[in-house]
Amino acid sequence: MRFLVTGGAGFIGSALVDELVRRSQSVVVLDDLSTGKEANLSGVAGRVELIRGSICDAETVRRACAGVDYVLHLAARTSVPRSILEPAETNRVNVDGTLNVLIAARDARVKRFVFAASSSAYGDSSTLPKLESMPAVPISPYGVTKLVGEVYAQVFGRCYGLETVCLRYFNVFGPRQDPNSPYSGVLSRFITALLDGAQPVVFGDGEHSRDFNYVENVVHATLRAAEVPGASGLVFNVGTGGRFTLNQTLALLEKISGRPAKPRYDAPRAGDIRDSQADITLARNILGYDPRVSFEEGLRRTWEWYASASRPR
């Protein structure tokens, strides 16, 4: 089978590409390298086709979809804070770009389109865990754009018969997550702060919680979404079903690293939700998804990767 992975040079996308190559699949990566890195694909160099281009360019997307069996659409502007600062740009990439990919997938007659949606669609509802049947009430432009992508995918199923599956990723972490951006995932920033002997910065009191999901689990769920009969037209949560506060997470990092974590607490950020936790019953029942790597084990693997990457060579 031939797969197109948009955003395939990114943190999650490159892990997905690695697994597809391991399974001896043919892979095309479409990435503008605005946040993704070609170095993330160094382990599969020569075994994937890399197209440098944006999903906002309809002709480039059409070319990338030619001859493809499955589209795994991960390319996006992913930051909540950045979406608040730049709502128009977030909409251009996440809505207009996603529409380009859907049209190209439809025209290429692909077998299935899998969309990386987001738990941000739930907004700041106090109900836990989050069920796919709950009302979607996003509180950031990013959340709005991801919800629009879901709706567009489902409409393409109804109007054109394109098989689509939407996966609401919860807080994904793991190796290759870039800690150098102010919009980076919190765990990559915590880990690099400890490695540098700096204070980790916590926005808020540290008691807000997240369903942190190791990237290997997300890869498993995404490929199941491409393969499993009967999943088309559905939306699935992709988390672990648990949650940890940031303070608990820092305590675990202290234990794993043997280094003190003395955080600096700062004002909460606009658009951040208080608590998040996935109900993964539907994904278990339909996709056969079951998180293989626990939060603690994933945190240990992630620490070891960053510690190894930071050593002088």
Foldseek 3Di string as FASTA:
>chain_A
DEEEEEVLQADLNVVLVVVCVVVVYAYEYEYLPPPGDPVSNVVCPPRYHYDNDALLDLVSLLVSLAPGQEYEYDDADQFQQVCQVPVPVRLSRLPNSLVSNLVSCLVNVHQEYEYEAAPLQCDQDPDPADDPPDHGDHQGSNSVSSVNSLVVQLVCCVPRVHFYEYEHEWAEDAPRFDLPDPRTRQLVVQLVCQVVVHAREAAPDQFFKTQYAYSVLVSLLRVLCVDFPPRGSYYFYRGQQDMDTRVRVQVLVCVLVVTHHDHDYHHHDPRDHRYYGHDGVVSCVRSVRHRPADPSRRSNNRSVNVNVVPDDD
